[in-house]
Amino acid sequence: MFLTNFPFCIVMDKDQEIVYHQHLLALQGNSGQDFEFRITKKDDAVIWVAMSWQSVYDENGNFFLDIGPV
């Protein structure tokens, strides 16, 4: 199954703005740790998740990508 706008499509409405803000910071090369927010599961249950990420840079020091599991 393909989810459009992932992960925002599963983030609780009340947490959308802060998750979007953290997403923008990550795209700017900032790392983060233990960022907590709520998501909705397939069965409509709401759970808290924590996410950490680390920026990865290429050999020239340019921002390459952000990695981090939810």
N, C-alpha and C. Protein backbone atom coordinates (compact mmCIF):
# COMPACT_ATOMS: atom_id res chain seq x y z
N MET A 1 0.84 -1.18 0.00
CA MET A 1 0.00 0.00 0.00
C MET A 1 0.88 1.24 0.00
N PHE A 2 0.56 2.20 -0.84
CA PHE A 2 1.32 3.44 -0.95
C PHE A 2 0.62 4.53 -0.16
N LEU A 3 1.35 5.14 0.79
CA LEU A 3 0.77 6.23 1.57
C LEU A 3 1.25 7.56 1.02
N THR A 4 0.33 8.41 0.63
CA THR A 4 0.71 9.74 0.18
C THR A 4 0.91 10.64 1.39
N ASN A 5 1.83 11.56 1.28
CA ASN A 5 2.10 12.53 2.32
C ASN A 5 2.57 11.88 3.63
N PHE A 6 3.26 10.75 3.53
CA PHE A 6 3.76 10.06 4.72
C PHE A 6 4.89 10.88 5.32
N PRO A 7 4.99 11.03 6.63
CA PRO A 7 4.18 10.42 7.67
C PRO A 7 2.98 11.25 8.10
N PHE A 8 2.78 12.40 7.46
CA PHE A 8 1.74 13.32 7.92
C PHE A 8 0.33 12.73 7.85
N CYS A 9 0.12 11.78 6.97
CA CYS A 9 -1.21 11.18 6.82
C CYS A 9 -1.61 10.36 8.04
N ILE A 10 -0.66 9.99 8.89
CA ILE A 10 -1.00 9.21 10.09
C ILE A 10 -0.79 10.01 11.38
N VAL A 11 -0.25 11.22 11.30
CA VAL A 11 -0.03 12.05 12.48
C VAL A 11 -1.35 12.67 12.92
N MET A 12 -1.61 12.64 14.21
CA MET A 12 -2.83 13.24 14.76
C MET A 12 -2.91 14.72 14.37
N ASP A 13 -4.13 15.19 14.11
CA ASP A 13 -4.33 16.58 13.70
C ASP A 13 -3.70 17.56 14.69
N LYS A 14 -3.84 17.30 15.98
CA LYS A 14 -3.30 18.20 17.00
C LYS A 14 -1.78 18.28 16.98
N ASP A 15 -1.12 17.28 16.39
CA ASP A 15 0.35 17.24 16.37
C ASP A 15 0.93 17.61 15.01
N GLN A 16 0.09 17.86 14.02
CA GLN A 16 0.55 18.13 12.66
C GLN A 16 1.53 19.30 12.58
N GLU A 17 1.22 20.40 13.23
CA GLU A 17 2.05 21.60 13.11
C GLU A 17 3.45 21.38 13.68
N ILE A 18 3.55 20.77 14.85
CA ILE A 18 4.87 20.55 15.47
C ILE A 18 5.67 19.51 14.69
N VAL A 19 5.01 18.49 14.16
CA VAL A 19 5.71 17.49 13.36
C VAL A 19 6.22 18.13 12.07
N TYR A 20 5.41 18.97 11.46
CA TYR A 20 5.84 19.67 10.25
C TYR A 20 7.05 20.56 10.54
N HIS A 21 7.00 21.28 11.65
CA HIS A 21 8.12 22.14 12.04
C HIS A 21 9.41 21.32 12.24
N GLN A 22 9.31 20.19 12.92
CA GLN A 22 10.47 19.33 13.13
C GLN A 22 10.98 18.77 11.80
N HIS A 23 10.06 18.47 10.91
CA HIS A 23 10.42 17.97 9.58
C HIS A 23 11.24 19.02 8.83
N LEU A 24 10.81 20.26 8.88
CA LEU A 24 11.56 21.34 8.22
C LEU A 24 12.95 21.50 8.81
N LEU A 25 13.06 21.42 10.14
CA LEU A 25 14.37 21.51 10.79
C LEU A 25 15.27 20.36 10.33
N ALA A 26 14.70 19.16 10.23
CA ALA A 26 15.48 18.01 9.78
C ALA A 26 15.99 18.21 8.36
N LEU A 27 15.15 18.77 7.50
CA LEU A 27 15.55 19.01 6.11
C LEU A 27 16.64 20.08 6.00
N GLN A 28 16.78 20.89 7.04
CA GLN A 28 17.83 21.91 7.09
C GLN A 28 19.14 21.34 7.66
N GLY A 29 19.12 20.05 8.04
CA GLY A 29 20.33 19.41 8.52
C GLY A 29 20.43 19.28 10.03
N ASN A 30 19.37 19.64 10.75
CA ASN A 30 19.37 19.50 12.21
C ASN A 30 19.05 18.06 12.60
N SER A 31 19.69 17.60 13.65
CA SER A 31 19.37 16.26 14.16
C SER A 31 18.41 16.41 15.33
N GLY A 32 17.78 15.32 15.70
CA GLY A 32 16.83 15.34 16.80
C GLY A 32 16.79 14.01 17.51
N GLN A 33 16.32 14.04 18.75
CA GLN A 33 16.29 12.82 19.54
C GLN A 33 15.05 12.79 20.42
N ASP A 34 14.39 11.64 20.42
CA ASP A 34 13.23 11.38 21.28
C ASP A 34 12.11 12.40 21.10
N PHE A 35 11.84 12.78 19.87
CA PHE A 35 10.73 13.66 19.56
C PHE A 35 9.45 12.83 19.59
N GLU A 36 8.51 13.18 20.45
CA GLU A 36 7.30 12.38 20.65
C GLU A 36 6.09 13.06 20.04
N PHE A 37 5.25 12.24 19.39
CA PHE A 37 3.99 12.72 18.83
C PHE A 37 3.06 11.53 18.69
N ARG A 38 1.80 11.83 18.37
CA ARG A 38 0.78 10.77 18.27
C ARG A 38 0.46 10.46 16.82
N ILE A 39 0.23 9.16 16.58
CA ILE A 39 -0.20 8.72 15.26
C ILE A 39 -1.46 7.87 15.40
N THR A 40 -2.16 7.72 14.28
CA THR A 40 -3.35 6.87 14.24
C THR A 40 -3.01 5.60 13.48
N LYS A 41 -3.28 4.45 14.10
CA LYS A 41 -3.03 3.16 13.47
C LYS A 41 -4.18 2.78 12.54
N LYS A 42 -3.99 1.69 11.78
CA LYS A 42 -5.02 1.21 10.84
C LYS A 42 -6.36 0.97 11.52
N ASP A 43 -6.32 0.51 12.78
CA ASP A 43 -7.56 0.21 13.50
C ASP A 43 -8.12 1.44 14.21
N ASP A 44 -7.59 2.62 13.87
CA ASP A 44 -7.99 3.92 14.43
C ASP A 44 -7.55 4.13 15.87
N ALA A 45 -6.73 3.23 16.40
CA ALA A 45 -6.17 3.44 17.73
C ALA A 45 -5.10 4.53 17.64
N VAL A 46 -5.03 5.34 18.67
CA VAL A 46 -4.03 6.41 18.73
C VAL A 46 -2.92 5.97 19.67
N ILE A 47 -1.68 6.08 19.19
CA ILE A 47 -0.54 5.72 20.03
C ILE A 47 0.51 6.83 19.96
N TRP A 48 1.33 6.89 21.00
CA TRP A 48 2.48 7.80 21.03
C TRP A 48 3.67 7.08 20.41
N VAL A 49 4.45 7.81 19.63
CA VAL A 49 5.69 7.29 19.06
C VAL A 49 6.81 8.29 19.36
N ALA A 50 8.02 7.81 19.35
CA ALA A 50 9.19 8.68 19.51
C ALA A 50 10.07 8.51 18.29
N MET A 51 10.61 9.61 17.83
CA MET A 51 11.44 9.57 16.63
C MET A 51 12.75 10.29 16.89
N SER A 52 13.82 9.70 16.41
CA SER A 52 15.14 10.32 16.45
C SER A 52 15.70 10.28 15.04
N TRP A 53 16.53 11.26 14.69
CA TRP A 53 17.11 11.28 13.36
C TRP A 53 18.47 11.93 13.40
N GLN A 54 19.25 11.61 12.42
CA GLN A 54 20.61 12.13 12.29
C GLN A 54 20.83 12.53 10.84
N SER A 55 21.39 13.70 10.64
CA SER A 55 21.69 14.15 9.29
C SER A 55 22.92 13.42 8.76
N VAL A 56 22.92 13.18 7.47
CA VAL A 56 24.04 12.52 6.79
C VAL A 56 24.57 13.51 5.75
N TYR A 57 25.88 13.63 5.70
CA TYR A 57 26.52 14.56 4.77
C TYR A 57 27.41 13.81 3.80
N ASP A 58 27.56 14.35 2.60
CA ASP A 58 28.43 13.71 1.62
C ASP A 58 29.89 14.07 1.91
N GLU A 59 30.79 13.58 1.07
CA GLU A 59 32.22 13.77 1.30
C GLU A 59 32.65 15.23 1.24
N ASN A 60 31.82 16.10 0.67
CA ASN A 60 32.12 17.53 0.60
C ASN A 60 31.47 18.33 1.72
N GLY A 61 30.81 17.63 2.63
CA GLY A 61 30.16 18.30 3.75
C GLY A 61 28.78 18.85 3.43
N ASN A 62 28.23 18.46 2.29
CA ASN A 62 26.89 18.91 1.90
C ASN A 62 25.84 17.99 2.50
N PHE A 63 24.73 18.58 2.93
CA PHE A 63 23.62 17.80 3.48
C PHE A 63 23.14 16.81 2.43
N PHE A 64 23.00 15.56 2.81
CA PHE A 64 22.63 14.49 1.89
C PHE A 64 21.22 13.98 2.19
N LEU A 65 20.97 13.58 3.43
CA LEU A 65 19.67 13.08 3.81
C LEU A 65 19.56 13.01 5.33
N ASP A 66 18.34 12.81 5.79
CA ASP A 66 18.08 12.57 7.20
C ASP A 66 17.59 11.14 7.33
N ILE A 67 18.11 10.46 8.32
CA ILE A 67 17.65 9.09 8.56
C ILE A 67 17.16 8.98 9.98
N GLY A 68 16.17 8.14 10.19
CA GLY A 68 15.70 7.90 11.53
C GLY A 68 14.36 7.18 11.50
N PRO A 69 14.28 6.05 12.12
CA PRO A 69 13.03 5.30 12.15
C PRO A 69 12.01 5.91 13.09
N VAL A 70 10.76 5.68 12.81
CA VAL A 70 9.69 6.08 13.72
C VAL A 70 9.44 4.92 14.65
